Amino acid sequence: MPKSDDSTQERLPTMEELPFSDDKPLDGELQEAIPHLLQGVLYRIWGEYHNWFFGVRKLPLL
Protein backbone atom coordinates (compact mmCIF):
# COMPACT_ATOMS: atom_id res chain seq x y z
CA MET A 1 0.00 0.00 0.00
CA PRO A 2 1.49 3.37 -0.98
CA LYS A 3 2.32 5.81 1.81
CA SER A 4 0.45 9.09 1.79
CA ASP A 5 2.02 12.44 2.41
CA ASP A 6 0.02 14.24 5.11
CA SER A 7 0.86 17.64 3.63
CA THR A 8 -0.81 16.76 0.32
CA GLN A 9 -3.80 14.98 1.82
CA GLU A 10 -6.86 17.02 2.76
CA ARG A 11 -7.71 16.91 6.45
CA LEU A 12 -11.17 15.58 7.25
CA PRO A 13 -13.22 17.37 9.94
CA THR A 14 -13.68 15.77 13.34
CA MET A 15 -17.12 14.97 14.77
CA GLU A 16 -16.95 18.15 16.85
CA GLU A 17 -16.30 20.26 13.73
CA LEU A 18 -19.23 18.88 11.74
CA PRO A 19 -22.38 21.05 11.67
CA PHE A 20 -25.25 19.92 13.88
CA SER A 21 -28.87 20.96 14.23
CA ASP A 22 -30.95 19.68 17.17
CA ASP A 23 -28.19 17.22 18.06
CA LYS A 24 -28.53 15.47 14.68
CA PRO A 25 -26.27 15.82 11.64
CA LEU A 26 -27.79 18.14 9.04
CA ASP A 27 -28.03 15.38 6.45
CA GLY A 28 -30.02 13.17 8.88
CA GLU A 29 -33.36 14.69 7.84
CA LEU A 30 -32.62 14.13 4.16
CA GLN A 31 -31.52 10.56 4.82
CA GLU A 32 -34.85 9.98 6.60
CA ALA A 33 -36.93 11.67 3.87
CA ILE A 34 -35.52 9.83 0.84
CA PRO A 35 -36.82 6.34 1.79
CA HIS A 36 -40.23 7.80 2.69
CA LEU A 37 -40.46 9.60 -0.66
CA LEU A 38 -39.42 6.45 -2.52
CA GLN A 39 -41.98 4.41 -0.59
CA GLY A 40 -44.70 6.92 -1.50
CA VAL A 41 -43.80 6.72 -5.18
CA LEU A 42 -43.80 2.91 -5.10
CA TYR A 43 -47.19 2.83 -3.37
CA ARG A 44 -48.60 5.20 -5.97
CA ILE A 45 -47.26 3.11 -8.88
CA TRP A 46 -47.67 -0.40 -7.44
CA GLY A 47 -50.36 0.17 -4.81
CA GLU A 48 -52.71 -2.38 -6.35
CA TYR A 49 -50.07 -5.14 -6.24
CA HIS A 50 -49.33 -7.02 -3.03
CA ASN A 51 -46.33 -9.07 -4.18
CA TRP A 52 -43.52 -6.59 -3.61
CA PHE A 53 -41.40 -5.58 -0.61
CA PHE A 54 -39.62 -2.35 0.26
CA GLY A 55 -37.15 -2.36 3.15
CA VAL A 56 -34.69 0.14 4.56
CA ARG A 57 -31.93 -0.55 7.04
CA LYS A 58 -31.83 2.32 9.49
CA LEU A 59 -28.35 2.81 10.88
CA PRO A 60 -27.92 4.35 14.33
CA LEU A 61 -26.43 7.83 14.58
CA LEU A 62 -22.94 7.86 16.06
C-alpha atoms as a PDB file:
ATOM      1  CA  MET A   1       0.000   0.000   0.000  1.00  0.00           C
ATOM      2  CA  PRO A   2       1.490   3.373  -0.976  1.00  0.00           C
ATOM      3  CA  LYS A   3       2.321   5.806   1.809  1.00  0.00           C
ATOM      4  CA  SER A   4       0.451   9.091   1.791  1.00  0.00           C
ATOM      5  CA  ASP A   5       2.023  12.439   2.414  1.00  0.00           C
ATOM      6  CA  ASP A   6       0.016  14.244   5.111  1.00  0.00           C
ATOM      7  CA  SER A   7       0.862  17.638   3.632  1.00  0.00           C
ATOM      8  CA  THR A   8      -0.812  16.762   0.322  1.00  0.00           C
ATOM      9  CA  GLN A   9      -3.799  14.980   1.823  1.00  0.00           C
ATOM     10  CA  GLU A  10      -6.859  17.024   2.758  1.00  0.00           C
ATOM     11  CA  ARG A  11      -7.711  16.911   6.455  1.00  0.00           C
ATOM     12  CA  LEU A  12     -11.173  15.579   7.251  1.00  0.00           C
ATOM     13  CA  PRO A  13     -13.215  17.372   9.939  1.00  0.00           C
ATOM     14  CA  THR A  14     -13.675  15.769  13.336  1.00  0.00           C
ATOM     15  CA  MET A  15     -17.123  14.970  14.770  1.00  0.00           C
ATOM     16  CA  GLU A  16     -16.954  18.154  16.847  1.00  0.00           C
ATOM     17  CA  GLU A  17     -16.297  20.260  13.725  1.00  0.00           C
ATOM     18  CA  LEU A  18     -19.232  18.879  11.739  1.00  0.00           C
ATOM     19  CA  PRO A  19     -22.385  21.054  11.669  1.00  0.00           C
ATOM     20  CA  PHE A  20     -25.246  19.923  13.876  1.00  0.00           C
ATOM     21  CA  SER A  21     -28.874  20.957  14.231  1.00  0.00           C
ATOM     22  CA  ASP A  22     -30.954  19.682  17.170  1.00  0.00           C
ATOM     23  CA  ASP A  23     -28.186  17.223  18.064  1.00  0.00           C
ATOM     24  CA  LYS A  24     -28.531  15.469  14.684  1.00  0.00           C
ATOM     25  CA  PRO A  25     -26.271  15.818  11.637  1.00  0.00           C
ATOM     26  CA  LEU A  26     -27.790  18.141   9.042  1.00  0.00           C
ATOM     27  CA  ASP A  27     -28.033  15.381   6.453  1.00  0.00           C
ATOM     28  CA  GLY A  28     -30.025  13.169   8.876  1.00  0.00           C
ATOM     29  CA  GLU A  29     -33.362  14.691   7.842  1.00  0.00           C
ATOM     30  CA  LEU A  30     -32.620  14.134   4.164  1.00  0.00           C
ATOM     31  CA  GLN A  31     -31.523  10.561   4.821  1.00  0.00           C
ATOM     32  CA  GLU A  32     -34.851   9.980   6.599  1.00  0.00           C
ATOM     33  CA  ALA A  33     -36.927  11.672   3.867  1.00  0.00           C
ATOM     34  CA  ILE A  34     -35.522   9.826   0.837  1.00  0.00           C
ATOM     35  CA  PRO A  35     -36.819   6.335   1.791  1.00  0.00           C
ATOM     36  CA  HIS A  36     -40.232   7.796   2.688  1.00  0.00           C
ATOM     37  CA  LEU A  37     -40.458   9.599  -0.657  1.00  0.00           C
ATOM     38  CA  LEU A  38     -39.424   6.455  -2.522  1.00  0.00           C
ATOM     39  CA  GLN A  39     -41.979   4.405  -0.593  1.00  0.00           C
ATOM     40  CA  GLY A  40     -44.699   6.922  -1.499  1.00  0.00           C
ATOM     41  CA  VAL A  41     -43.796   6.722  -5.182  1.00  0.00           C
ATOM     42  CA  LEU A  42     -43.798   2.915  -5.096  1.00  0.00           C
ATOM     43  CA  TYR A  43     -47.187   2.825  -3.368  1.00  0.00           C
ATOM     44  CA  ARG A  44     -48.602   5.196  -5.974  1.00  0.00           C
ATOM     45  CA  ILE A  45     -47.256   3.115  -8.878  1.00  0.00           C
ATOM     46  CA  TRP A  46     -47.675  -0.405  -7.436  1.00  0.00           C
ATOM     47  CA  GLY A  47     -50.365   0.173  -4.808  1.00  0.00           C
ATOM     48  CA  GLU A  48     -52.712  -2.378  -6.346  1.00  0.00           C
ATOM     49  CA  TYR A  49     -50.074  -5.136  -6.242  1.00  0.00           C
ATOM     50  CA  HIS A  50     -49.330  -7.019  -3.033  1.00  0.00           C
ATOM     51  CA  ASN A  51     -46.329  -9.074  -4.175  1.00  0.00           C
ATOM     52  CA  TRP A  52     -43.520  -6.586  -3.606  1.00  0.00           C
ATOM     53  CA  PHE A  53     -41.403  -5.577  -0.606  1.00  0.00           C
ATOM     54  CA  PHE A  54     -39.622  -2.349   0.265  1.00  0.00           C
ATOM     55  CA  GLY A  55     -37.151  -2.364   3.148  1.00  0.00           C
ATOM     56  CA  VAL A  56     -34.686   0.137   4.564  1.00  0.00           C
ATOM     57  CA  ARG A  57     -31.927  -0.549   7.040  1.00  0.00           C
ATOM     58  CA  LYS A  58     -31.833   2.319   9.491  1.00  0.00           C
ATOM     59  CA  LEU A  59     -28.347   2.806  10.876  1.00  0.00           C
ATOM     60  CA  PRO A  60     -27.918   4.355  14.332  1.00  0.00           C
ATOM     61  CA  LEU A  61     -26.429   7.826  14.582  1.00  0.00           C
ATOM     62  CA  LEU A  62     -22.945   7.865  16.059  1.00  0.00           C
END
